[in-house]
Amino acid sequence: MLNWESEFKKKIAEYKPWDKWTLTKDLENSQVPHGWHCYEQRNLFARFKCSSCSHSWKSAQATIVFHVHLDCSSGQVKMRVFGQKCNRCASPKYEEPSFQDDTVVFVLHNLVHKILQNCYRESRVLLPLPPPVSEDLLEGPHKIGSREPYVQRTLTF
């Protein structure tokens, strides 16, 4: 399983090796602070496992939100991965998804593309990566109420 932070540093260093960027999984508030940009990646395939009853499930509705800020040559990315509740037991906990490596690469590629466009005002276009294709079959309808709520704000990306 790829590490989000180290993979992000490698990917951004391919384009901006002289700038220092950090990515942390500590985004708690959906409000975008002044001077920050927001990027949202939706409809990702992920796996979940309930920490209470061990039930596992797959979903193509996982969401990740990034808040991005560049100050001179130092950039910050705060990340939040939205969870889902188990629909087998009554656990109130939102379980965090796990992603396949190709999904991590896909999301970080898109994030770096948005950073280059919006923080550096570069018009270069990165070659798009095809969305990851899951070989797993998804069964049954998606239960919207099981997703962690996210109040969508005006996105600046």
Foldseek 3Di string as FASTA:
>chain_A
DDDLFVVLLVVLCVPQVPAAETEEADDDDLDADPQKFKDKDFQCWWKWADPPPRDIAIGSGWMKMWIWHDDPRYIYIHIHTWFFADPPDPDPDGTGTDHDPVQSVQVSVVVSQCCCCPVVVDPDGDDHDPGDDDPDDHDDDDDPVGIDDDDDDDGPD
